[in-house]
Amino acid sequence: MAVHRKRFRVEDIAGGGEMPSFDVSEEAIPMHSEIMAELRAIRAQMAKGSVPAPLSGSAAMAAIDASTAHELSEARTMLETYRAQIEQCEKLKVELDLIHDAIDRTKREIATLHGKSFDGGEMAKVNGELGAVVGGTEQATQQILEAAESIDQAASAMSKVDSVDQQKRLADDIQERVISIFEACNFQDLTGQRISKVMATMKFIEQHINSMMDIWGGVDAIKAHVVPQADNRSEDDKLLNGPKLAGDVGHASQDDIDALFD
């Protein structure tokens, strides 16, 4: 039984058929050159090992986890930095609030002093009271000295007259002068009242100044900022310290003065 075998196209061509013609256009030639150039470039890169081998699934996941952990660590570090900065800002705000409150309270104390003491009617009243004290003291002193002088003259004249009437008139004159001295001594009561008003104003000022000092940390904190004052007075002015008060230093006692004459 004969076997029929299929003939292929190549056999048909070899059996006497004509070769098919290929139509190669001019536009296909540049494209072919570019493709070949790209293939050569890829082959060269593969030869140098520049193309990295693809990562396996586990390696890729490990790389992603490592990158995520690094970014998370940086984010936590940045968060801690911001948190520390916020805490510092909160502390600074608290300090600024305290300073603002201290300045506000100091302004109120200064306004009170300015309105009721230094620039108000109270300070004018203080000046008037002190002026009245000086004037009243001077007037009373002058009246006492004049009365004492008249008493001295009347007593001298009384010792020289023999008439009873003249002696009586001189005695009456002495008695009137004594009454005048008693009246002049009333300045002490008026002076005490006026000085009490001045002292009340001074205490008012002292209280508010002490309040301002307490606002800024008390007397000890203020003393730390006091500039030392140099005594620029002359030698004579240094000796004029005025009457001595109880507990004052720098004054000579009567015993010291008496010791100079021994």
Protein backbone atom coordinates (compact mmCIF):
# COMPACT_ATOMS: atom_id res chain seq x y z
CA MET A 1 0.00 0.00 0.00
CA ALA A 2 1.47 3.24 -1.07
CA VAL A 3 1.91 5.98 1.53
CA HIS A 4 1.04 9.45 0.42
CA ARG A 5 3.48 11.99 1.88
CA LYS A 6 2.69 15.64 1.97
CA ARG A 7 5.10 17.79 0.11
CA PHE A 8 6.41 20.92 1.79
CA ARG A 9 6.87 24.29 0.23
CA VAL A 10 10.65 23.99 0.21
CA GLU A 11 10.42 20.76 -1.73
CA ASP A 12 8.11 22.38 -4.23
CA ILE A 13 10.63 25.16 -4.68
CA ALA A 14 13.52 22.71 -5.05
CA GLY A 15 11.51 20.64 -7.46
CA GLY A 16 11.65 23.31 -9.99
CA GLY A 17 9.47 26.04 -8.55
CA GLU A 18 10.58 29.61 -8.41
CA MET A 19 11.86 31.28 -5.23
CA PRO A 20 9.43 33.83 -3.81
CA SER A 21 10.62 37.34 -3.94
CA PHE A 22 10.76 39.52 -0.71
CA ASP A 23 9.85 43.15 -1.09
CA VAL A 24 12.15 45.11 1.23
CA SER A 25 11.29 48.75 1.26
CA GLU A 26 13.70 51.54 2.07
CA GLU A 27 11.79 52.47 5.24
CA ALA A 28 12.39 49.03 6.81
CA ILE A 29 16.18 49.31 6.58
CA PRO A 30 16.59 52.09 9.26
CA MET A 31 14.20 50.30 11.60
CA HIS A 32 16.22 47.13 11.28
CA SER A 33 19.40 49.03 12.09
CA GLU A 34 17.88 50.56 15.22
CA ILE A 35 16.63 47.20 16.45
CA MET A 36 20.03 45.64 16.00
CA ALA A 37 21.71 48.53 17.75
CA GLU A 38 19.40 48.16 20.74
CA LEU A 39 20.04 44.42 20.87
CA ARG A 40 23.79 44.99 20.85
CA ALA A 41 23.47 47.51 23.68
CA ILE A 42 21.40 45.10 25.79
CA ARG A 43 23.92 42.34 25.15
CA ALA A 44 26.78 44.61 26.21
CA GLN A 45 25.03 45.56 29.45
CA MET A 46 24.33 41.94 30.27
CA ALA A 47 27.96 41.11 29.64
CA LYS A 48 29.09 43.84 32.14
CA GLY A 49 26.56 42.74 34.75
CA SER A 50 24.87 46.16 34.91
CA VAL A 51 21.43 44.70 34.80
CA PRO A 52 20.56 43.59 38.36
CA ALA A 53 19.10 40.20 38.87
CA PRO A 54 15.46 40.29 39.88
CA LEU A 55 14.83 39.83 43.60
CA SER A 56 12.93 36.89 44.86
CA GLY A 57 9.64 37.42 46.72
CA SER A 58 11.10 37.05 50.23
CA ALA A 59 14.04 39.30 49.46
CA ALA A 60 11.74 41.98 48.07
CA MET A 61 9.54 41.85 51.20
CA ALA A 62 12.61 42.07 53.43
CA ALA A 63 13.81 45.14 51.54
CA ILE A 64 10.39 46.77 51.86
CA ASP A 65 10.26 45.99 55.60
CA ALA A 66 13.74 47.42 56.13
CA SER A 67 12.83 50.62 54.27
CA THR A 68 9.57 50.95 56.23
CA ALA A 69 11.34 50.41 59.56
CA HIS A 70 13.93 53.07 58.68
CA GLU A 71 11.25 55.59 57.72
CA LEU A 72 9.29 54.78 60.90
CA SER A 73 12.39 55.31 63.02
CA GLU A 74 13.05 58.68 61.39
CA ALA A 75 9.41 59.66 61.91
CA ARG A 76 9.59 58.74 65.62
CA THR A 77 12.82 60.70 66.03
CA MET A 78 11.26 63.74 64.39
CA LEU A 79 8.14 63.35 66.57
CA GLU A 80 10.23 63.26 69.75
CA THR A 81 12.10 66.37 68.60
CA TYR A 82 8.84 68.21 67.95
CA ARG A 83 7.46 67.06 71.30
CA ALA A 84 10.53 68.38 73.15
CA GLN A 85 10.25 71.70 71.30
CA ILE A 86 6.56 71.96 72.21
CA GLU A 87 7.38 71.34 75.89
CA GLN A 88 10.01 74.07 75.80
CA CYS A 89 7.52 76.43 74.17
CA GLU A 90 4.95 75.66 76.89
CA LYS A 91 7.51 76.38 79.62
CA LEU A 92 8.47 79.61 77.89
CA LYS A 93 4.81 80.60 77.67
CA VAL A 94 4.37 80.00 81.42
CA GLU A 95 7.40 82.18 82.18
CA LEU A 96 6.18 84.91 79.83
CA ASP A 97 2.75 84.82 81.48
CA LEU A 98 4.37 85.27 84.90
CA ILE A 99 6.44 88.20 83.63
CA HIS A 100 3.36 89.75 82.02
CA ASP A 101 1.41 89.40 85.27
CA ALA A 102 4.26 90.92 87.30
CA ILE A 103 4.53 93.87 84.91
CA ASP A 104 0.76 94.38 85.01
CA ARG A 105 0.68 94.34 88.81
CA THR A 106 3.64 96.74 88.95
CA LYS A 107 1.85 99.11 86.58
CA ARG A 108 -1.18 99.08 88.87
CA GLU A 109 0.96 99.89 91.91
CA ILE A 110 2.71 102.73 90.05
CA ALA A 111 -0.64 104.06 88.83
CA THR A 112 -1.95 104.04 92.41
CA LEU A 113 1.10 105.91 93.66
CA HIS A 114 0.96 108.33 90.74
CA GLY A 115 -2.73 109.07 91.18
CA LYS A 116 -2.91 109.28 94.97
CA SER A 117 0.54 110.43 96.02
CA PHE A 118 3.15 111.85 93.70
CA ASP A 119 0.94 113.58 91.17
CA GLY A 120 -2.27 113.93 93.15
CA GLY A 121 -3.65 116.13 95.85
CA GLU A 122 -2.15 113.95 98.55
CA MET A 123 1.41 115.00 97.79
CA ALA A 124 0.37 118.67 97.63
CA LYS A 125 -1.25 118.20 101.02
CA VAL A 126 1.97 116.67 102.35
CA ASN A 127 3.97 119.64 101.15
CA GLY A 128 1.45 122.01 102.74
CA GLU A 129 1.51 120.16 106.05
CA LEU A 130 5.32 120.19 106.18
CA GLY A 131 5.35 123.89 105.35
CA ALA A 132 2.84 124.54 108.11
CA VAL A 133 5.00 122.59 110.55
CA VAL A 134 8.03 124.71 109.71
CA GLY A 135 6.04 127.98 109.86
CA GLY A 136 4.25 127.09 113.10
CA THR A 137 7.49 126.03 114.77
CA GLU A 138 9.21 129.24 113.75
CA GLN A 139 6.31 131.41 114.93
CA ALA A 140 6.04 129.62 118.28
CA THR A 141 9.77 129.87 118.84
CA GLN A 142 9.73 133.60 118.13
CA GLN A 143 6.78 134.10 120.51
CA ILE A 144 8.49 132.14 123.30
CA LEU A 145 11.73 134.08 122.90
CA GLU A 146 9.90 137.44 122.99
CA ALA A 147 7.95 136.42 126.11
CA ALA A 148 11.09 135.21 127.85
CA GLU A 149 12.85 138.48 127.04
CA SER A 150 9.92 140.51 128.43
CA ILE A 151 9.84 138.39 131.60
CA ASP A 152 13.54 138.99 132.10
CA GLN A 153 13.12 142.75 131.72
CA ALA A 154 10.11 142.86 134.07
CA ALA A 155 11.95 140.86 136.71
CA SER A 156 14.92 143.22 136.53
CA ALA A 157 12.66 146.26 136.83
CA MET A 158 10.72 144.74 139.74
CA SER A 159 13.88 144.50 141.79
CA LYS A 160 14.51 148.22 141.34
CA VAL A 161 11.11 149.72 142.17
CA ASP A 162 9.68 150.28 145.62
CA SER A 163 6.11 151.15 144.71
CA VAL A 164 3.61 148.40 145.30
CA ASP A 165 1.53 149.45 142.30
CA GLN A 166 4.51 149.27 139.96
CA GLN A 167 5.49 145.88 141.30
CA LYS A 168 1.92 144.68 140.76
CA ARG A 169 1.91 145.93 137.17
CA LEU A 170 5.25 144.20 136.50
CA ALA A 171 3.97 140.98 138.08
CA ASP A 172 0.85 141.10 135.90
CA ASP A 173 3.03 141.64 132.84
CA ILE A 174 5.17 138.64 133.78
CA GLN A 175 2.07 136.54 134.23
CA GLU A 176 0.76 137.52 130.78
CA ARG A 177 4.07 136.60 129.20
CA VAL A 178 3.99 133.21 130.88
CA ILE A 179 0.51 132.61 129.47
CA SER A 180 1.84 133.64 126.06
CA ILE A 181 4.56 130.99 126.39
CA PHE A 182 1.96 128.35 127.25
CA GLU A 183 -0.07 129.37 124.22
CA ALA A 184 2.99 129.17 121.98
CA CYS A 185 3.70 125.67 123.24
CA ASN A 186 0.42 124.53 121.68
CA PHE A 187 2.31 124.32 118.37
CA GLN A 188 3.53 120.92 119.50
CA ASP A 189 0.03 119.43 119.31
CA LEU A 190 -0.64 120.96 115.89
CA THR A 191 2.76 119.89 114.64
CA GLY A 192 2.14 116.33 115.83
CA GLN A 193 -1.18 116.18 113.96
CA ARG A 194 0.36 117.49 110.75
CA ILE A 195 3.33 115.14 110.95
CA SER A 196 0.94 112.23 111.55
CA LYS A 197 -0.78 113.04 108.23
CA VAL A 198 2.59 113.14 106.48
CA MET A 199 3.60 109.83 108.04
CA ALA A 200 0.33 108.24 106.89
CA THR A 201 1.09 109.29 103.33
CA MET A 202 4.64 108.02 103.61
CA LYS A 203 3.37 104.67 104.93
CA PHE A 204 0.95 104.47 102.00
CA ILE A 205 3.84 104.99 99.59
CA GLU A 206 6.02 102.52 101.49
CA GLN A 207 3.33 99.81 101.34
CA HIS A 208 2.97 100.07 97.57
CA ILE A 209 6.73 100.16 97.05
CA ASN A 210 7.07 97.04 99.21
CA SER A 211 4.32 95.41 97.12
CA MET A 212 6.30 96.14 93.95
CA MET A 213 9.42 94.71 95.53
CA ASP A 214 7.53 91.56 96.52
CA ILE A 215 6.29 91.20 92.95
CA TRP A 216 9.87 91.01 91.70
CA GLY A 217 11.20 88.64 94.36
CA GLY A 218 11.40 90.64 97.57
CA VAL A 219 13.97 92.92 99.16
CA ASP A 220 16.87 90.49 98.77
CA ALA A 221 16.30 90.21 95.02
CA ILE A 222 16.22 94.01 94.71
CA LYS A 223 19.40 94.45 96.77
CA ALA A 224 21.28 92.25 94.32
CA HIS A 225 20.74 94.92 91.63
CA VAL A 226 21.51 97.99 93.75
CA VAL A 227 24.44 99.98 92.40
CA PRO A 228 26.92 100.95 95.14
CA GLN A 229 26.76 104.67 95.83
CA ALA A 230 29.92 106.63 96.47
CA ASP A 231 29.91 109.36 99.11
CA ASN A 232 30.96 112.46 97.15
CA ARG A 233 30.33 114.91 99.98
CA SER A 234 33.06 117.22 101.17
CA GLU A 235 34.68 116.74 104.55
CA ASP A 236 32.54 119.46 106.16
CA ASP A 237 29.33 118.06 104.69
CA LYS A 238 30.19 114.61 106.03
CA LEU A 239 30.22 116.06 109.55
CA LEU A 240 26.69 117.51 109.18
CA ASN A 241 24.69 114.41 110.04
CA GLY A 242 21.94 116.24 111.90
CA PRO A 243 20.41 115.27 115.24
CA LYS A 244 21.04 111.72 116.34
CA LEU A 245 18.23 109.20 116.48
CA ALA A 246 18.12 106.15 118.71
CA GLY A 247 20.39 103.51 117.22
CA ASP A 248 22.12 105.85 114.74
CA VAL A 249 25.82 105.35 114.14
CA GLY A 250 28.37 107.90 113.11
CA HIS A 251 27.45 110.45 115.78
CA ALA A 252 29.65 111.61 118.64
CA SER A 253 28.16 111.34 122.11
CA GLN A 254 28.43 113.96 124.80
CA ASP A 255 30.99 111.81 126.59
CA ASP A 256 33.16 111.82 123.49
CA ILE A 257 32.98 115.59 123.33
CA ASP A 258 33.75 115.96 127.04
CA ALA A 259 36.74 113.66 126.62
CA LEU A 260 38.28 116.18 124.18
CA PHE A 261 38.56 118.76 126.97
CA ASP A 262 40.02 116.47 129.62
